Amino acid sequence: MKMHFNITGRVQGVGFRYTTYQLAVEIGVTGTVKNEADGSVTIEAVGTSEQIEQFLTRLKNPQNPFAKVKHIEQYEDPTIKDFDKFSVVY
């Protein structure tokens, strides 16, 4: 399953990308996470439907006490390439 997420809220300047990276590695999801100019964070995630579901559930309630997820826009995107790991994009 290949999913695109755009996350809004307090998700920049609080370590959200790093904790997202840790979460993805823990679950076994591959892909990327990056900050956007509008203050949101974009994630491309590749994994099984079970991995993606677990990833999304945990993204909604970040373990990072400084991050606050307000909204997650999501859609399946078959054009996302297959990644061999999860990376933070700078």
N, C-alpha and C. Protein backbone atom coordinates (compact mmCIF):
# COMPACT_ATOMS: atom_id res chain seq x y z
N MET A 1 0.85 -1.17 0.00
CA MET A 1 0.00 0.00 0.00
C MET A 1 0.89 1.24 0.00
N LYS A 2 0.55 2.21 -0.84
CA LYS A 2 1.34 3.44 -0.96
C LYS A 2 0.43 4.62 -0.65
N MET A 3 0.76 5.31 0.46
CA MET A 3 -0.10 6.38 0.95
C MET A 3 0.64 7.71 1.02
N HIS A 4 -0.12 8.77 0.74
CA HIS A 4 0.36 10.13 0.86
C HIS A 4 -0.41 10.77 2.02
N PHE A 5 0.32 11.37 2.96
CA PHE A 5 -0.30 12.07 4.09
C PHE A 5 0.20 13.51 4.11
N ASN A 6 -0.71 14.44 4.37
CA ASN A 6 -0.32 15.82 4.62
C ASN A 6 -0.89 16.17 5.99
N ILE A 7 0.00 16.53 6.91
CA ILE A 7 -0.38 16.72 8.30
C ILE A 7 -0.25 18.19 8.68
N THR A 8 -1.31 18.72 9.29
CA THR A 8 -1.29 20.10 9.75
C THR A 8 -1.45 20.12 11.27
N GLY A 9 -1.04 21.21 11.85
CA GLY A 9 -1.07 21.40 13.30
C GLY A 9 0.27 21.94 13.73
N ARG A 10 0.66 21.62 14.96
CA ARG A 10 1.98 22.03 15.45
C ARG A 10 2.94 20.88 15.13
N VAL A 11 3.43 20.86 13.89
CA VAL A 11 4.22 19.73 13.42
C VAL A 11 5.60 20.14 12.86
N GLN A 12 5.93 21.43 12.95
CA GLN A 12 7.26 21.86 12.54
C GLN A 12 7.94 22.54 13.72
N GLY A 13 9.25 22.30 13.83
CA GLY A 13 10.02 22.90 14.91
C GLY A 13 9.86 22.22 16.25
N VAL A 14 9.25 21.02 16.24
CA VAL A 14 9.00 20.30 17.50
C VAL A 14 9.53 18.87 17.47
N GLY A 15 10.31 18.51 16.43
CA GLY A 15 10.86 17.16 16.33
C GLY A 15 9.90 16.15 15.74
N PHE A 16 8.84 16.62 15.08
CA PHE A 16 7.82 15.71 14.54
C PHE A 16 8.39 14.78 13.46
N ARG A 17 9.25 15.31 12.58
CA ARG A 17 9.81 14.45 11.53
C ARG A 17 10.66 13.33 12.14
N TYR A 18 11.44 13.67 13.15
CA TYR A 18 12.30 12.67 13.77
C TYR A 18 11.48 11.58 14.46
N THR A 19 10.43 11.96 15.19
CA THR A 19 9.61 10.95 15.85
C THR A 19 8.81 10.14 14.82
N THR A 20 8.44 10.77 13.70
CA THR A 20 7.77 10.04 12.62
C THR A 20 8.72 9.00 12.03
N TYR A 21 9.97 9.39 11.85
CA TYR A 21 11.00 8.47 11.38
C TYR A 21 11.13 7.27 12.32
N GLN A 22 11.23 7.53 13.62
CA GLN A 22 11.35 6.45 14.60
C GLN A 22 10.15 5.51 14.54
N LEU A 23 8.96 6.10 14.42
CA LEU A 23 7.73 5.32 14.34
C LEU A 23 7.73 4.44 13.10
N ALA A 24 8.09 5.00 11.96
CA ALA A 24 8.11 4.25 10.70
C ALA A 24 9.08 3.08 10.78
N VAL A 25 10.26 3.31 11.32
CA VAL A 25 11.26 2.24 11.45
C VAL A 25 10.73 1.15 12.38
N GLU A 26 10.11 1.55 13.47
CA GLU A 26 9.55 0.58 14.43
C GLU A 26 8.49 -0.31 13.78
N ILE A 27 7.62 0.29 12.96
CA ILE A 27 6.52 -0.46 12.35
C ILE A 27 6.96 -1.19 11.08
N GLY A 28 8.03 -0.69 10.43
CA GLY A 28 8.50 -1.32 9.20
C GLY A 28 8.00 -0.63 7.95
N VAL A 29 7.53 0.62 8.08
CA VAL A 29 7.07 1.41 6.94
C VAL A 29 8.28 2.06 6.29
N THR A 30 8.30 2.12 4.96
CA THR A 30 9.35 2.84 4.25
C THR A 30 8.74 4.09 3.63
N GLY A 31 9.61 5.05 3.22
CA GLY A 31 9.11 6.27 2.60
C GLY A 31 9.89 7.48 3.03
N THR A 32 9.21 8.63 3.06
CA THR A 32 9.86 9.89 3.41
C THR A 32 8.93 10.76 4.24
N VAL A 33 9.54 11.69 4.99
CA VAL A 33 8.80 12.72 5.73
C VAL A 33 9.54 14.04 5.50
N LYS A 34 8.78 15.10 5.18
CA LYS A 34 9.43 16.39 4.95
C LYS A 34 8.52 17.54 5.34
N ASN A 35 9.16 18.65 5.75
CA ASN A 35 8.44 19.88 6.05
C ASN A 35 8.04 20.57 4.76
N GLU A 36 6.89 21.23 4.77
CA GLU A 36 6.43 22.02 3.63
C GLU A 36 6.48 23.50 3.99
N ALA A 37 6.53 24.36 2.99
CA ALA A 37 6.62 25.80 3.19
C ALA A 37 5.41 26.37 3.93
N ASP A 38 4.26 25.70 3.82
CA ASP A 38 3.03 26.20 4.46
C ASP A 38 2.91 25.80 5.93
N GLY A 39 3.95 25.13 6.48
CA GLY A 39 3.92 24.73 7.88
C GLY A 39 3.42 23.32 8.12
N SER A 40 3.00 22.64 7.05
CA SER A 40 2.53 21.26 7.19
C SER A 40 3.71 20.31 7.00
N VAL A 41 3.44 19.02 7.19
CA VAL A 41 4.43 17.97 6.96
C VAL A 41 3.81 16.97 5.99
N THR A 42 4.61 16.56 4.99
CA THR A 42 4.16 15.57 4.02
C THR A 42 4.90 14.26 4.25
N ILE A 43 4.14 13.17 4.21
CA ILE A 43 4.71 11.83 4.36
C ILE A 43 4.30 10.99 3.17
N GLU A 44 5.26 10.30 2.57
CA GLU A 44 4.97 9.23 1.62
C GLU A 44 5.32 7.95 2.34
N ALA A 45 4.34 7.06 2.47
CA ALA A 45 4.52 5.85 3.26
C ALA A 45 4.19 4.61 2.44
N VAL A 46 5.05 3.61 2.53
CA VAL A 46 4.86 2.36 1.81
C VAL A 46 4.91 1.21 2.81
N GLY A 47 3.89 0.36 2.79
CA GLY A 47 3.85 -0.79 3.69
C GLY A 47 2.60 -1.61 3.45
N THR A 48 2.41 -2.63 4.24
CA THR A 48 1.19 -3.43 4.15
C THR A 48 0.02 -2.59 4.69
N SER A 49 -1.18 -3.00 4.40
CA SER A 49 -2.34 -2.25 4.90
C SER A 49 -2.33 -2.22 6.42
N GLU A 50 -1.90 -3.31 7.07
CA GLU A 50 -1.83 -3.34 8.53
C GLU A 50 -0.78 -2.35 9.05
N GLN A 51 0.38 -2.30 8.39
CA GLN A 51 1.43 -1.36 8.81
C GLN A 51 0.97 0.08 8.65
N ILE A 52 0.33 0.38 7.52
CA ILE A 52 -0.13 1.74 7.25
C ILE A 52 -1.21 2.14 8.26
N GLU A 53 -2.11 1.22 8.56
CA GLU A 53 -3.17 1.50 9.53
C GLU A 53 -2.58 1.81 10.91
N GLN A 54 -1.62 1.01 11.34
CA GLN A 54 -0.96 1.23 12.63
C GLN A 54 -0.20 2.55 12.62
N PHE A 55 0.51 2.83 11.53
CA PHE A 55 1.26 4.07 11.37
C PHE A 55 0.33 5.27 11.48
N LEU A 56 -0.78 5.25 10.77
CA LEU A 56 -1.74 6.36 10.78
C LEU A 56 -2.33 6.56 12.17
N THR A 57 -2.71 5.47 12.82
CA THR A 57 -3.29 5.56 14.17
C THR A 57 -2.32 6.24 15.12
N ARG A 58 -1.05 5.88 15.03
CA ARG A 58 -0.06 6.46 15.94
C ARG A 58 0.35 7.87 15.53
N LEU A 59 0.25 8.20 14.24
CA LEU A 59 0.52 9.58 13.81
C LEU A 59 -0.52 10.54 14.38
N LYS A 60 -1.76 10.08 14.48
CA LYS A 60 -2.84 10.94 14.97
C LYS A 60 -2.62 11.38 16.40
N ASN A 61 -1.93 10.57 17.18
CA ASN A 61 -1.65 10.88 18.58
C ASN A 61 -0.15 10.74 18.83
N PRO A 62 0.63 11.72 18.39
CA PRO A 62 2.10 11.59 18.47
C PRO A 62 2.58 11.45 19.91
N GLN A 63 3.62 10.63 20.06
CA GLN A 63 4.25 10.45 21.38
C GLN A 63 5.02 11.69 21.78
N ASN A 64 5.37 12.51 20.80
CA ASN A 64 6.10 13.74 21.05
C ASN A 64 5.18 14.72 21.77
N PRO A 65 5.51 15.12 23.00
CA PRO A 65 4.60 15.99 23.77
C PRO A 65 4.47 17.40 23.21
N PHE A 66 5.38 17.80 22.33
CA PHE A 66 5.35 19.16 21.77
C PHE A 66 4.54 19.23 20.48
N ALA A 67 4.33 18.09 19.83
CA ALA A 67 3.60 18.06 18.56
C ALA A 67 2.10 17.97 18.81
N LYS A 68 1.32 18.59 17.93
CA LYS A 68 -0.14 18.52 18.01
C LYS A 68 -0.66 18.39 16.58
N VAL A 69 -1.24 17.23 16.28
CA VAL A 69 -1.81 16.98 14.96
C VAL A 69 -3.24 17.49 14.94
N LYS A 70 -3.50 18.42 14.02
CA LYS A 70 -4.83 18.98 13.88
C LYS A 70 -5.63 18.23 12.83
N HIS A 71 -5.00 17.94 11.69
CA HIS A 71 -5.71 17.30 10.58
C HIS A 71 -4.73 16.47 9.75
N ILE A 72 -5.19 15.33 9.26
CA ILE A 72 -4.40 14.51 8.34
C ILE A 72 -5.21 14.29 7.07
N GLU A 73 -4.69 14.83 5.97
CA GLU A 73 -5.27 14.56 4.65
C GLU A 73 -4.55 13.33 4.13
N GLN A 74 -5.29 12.37 3.61
CA GLN A 74 -4.65 11.13 3.17
C GLN A 74 -5.30 10.61 1.90
N TYR A 75 -4.47 10.02 1.07
CA TYR A 75 -4.99 9.32 -0.11
C TYR A 75 -3.96 8.30 -0.57
N GLU A 76 -4.47 7.26 -1.21
CA GLU A 76 -3.59 6.25 -1.77
C GLU A 76 -2.98 6.82 -3.04
N ASP A 77 -1.68 6.61 -3.23
CA ASP A 77 -0.98 7.17 -4.38
C ASP A 77 -0.07 6.11 -5.00
N PRO A 78 -0.56 5.43 -6.05
CA PRO A 78 0.23 4.36 -6.66
C PRO A 78 1.50 4.86 -7.36
N THR A 79 1.64 6.19 -7.54
CA THR A 79 2.84 6.71 -8.20
C THR A 79 4.03 6.83 -7.24
N ILE A 80 3.80 6.65 -5.94
CA ILE A 80 4.91 6.68 -4.97
C ILE A 80 5.83 5.51 -5.28
N LYS A 81 7.13 5.81 -5.34
CA LYS A 81 8.08 4.75 -5.65
C LYS A 81 8.27 3.82 -4.45
N ASP A 82 8.83 2.65 -4.70
CA ASP A 82 9.16 1.75 -3.61
C ASP A 82 10.46 2.22 -2.96
N PHE A 83 10.44 2.38 -1.66
CA PHE A 83 11.61 2.82 -0.91
C PHE A 83 12.20 1.62 -0.20
N ASP A 84 13.51 1.66 0.03
CA ASP A 84 14.14 0.57 0.77
C ASP A 84 14.32 0.91 2.25
N LYS A 85 13.99 2.18 2.61
CA LYS A 85 14.07 2.59 4.01
C LYS A 85 13.18 3.83 4.19
N PHE A 86 13.11 4.32 5.42
CA PHE A 86 12.38 5.55 5.70
C PHE A 86 13.39 6.66 5.93
N SER A 87 13.16 7.84 5.34
CA SER A 87 14.13 8.93 5.42
C SER A 87 13.46 10.25 5.76
N VAL A 88 14.18 11.10 6.48
CA VAL A 88 13.78 12.47 6.71
C VAL A 88 14.36 13.29 5.56
N VAL A 89 13.52 14.05 4.85
CA VAL A 89 13.95 14.88 3.74
C VAL A 89 14.14 16.30 4.27
N TYR A 90 15.29 16.89 3.99
CA TYR A 90 15.59 18.24 4.45
C TYR A 90 15.47 19.24 3.33
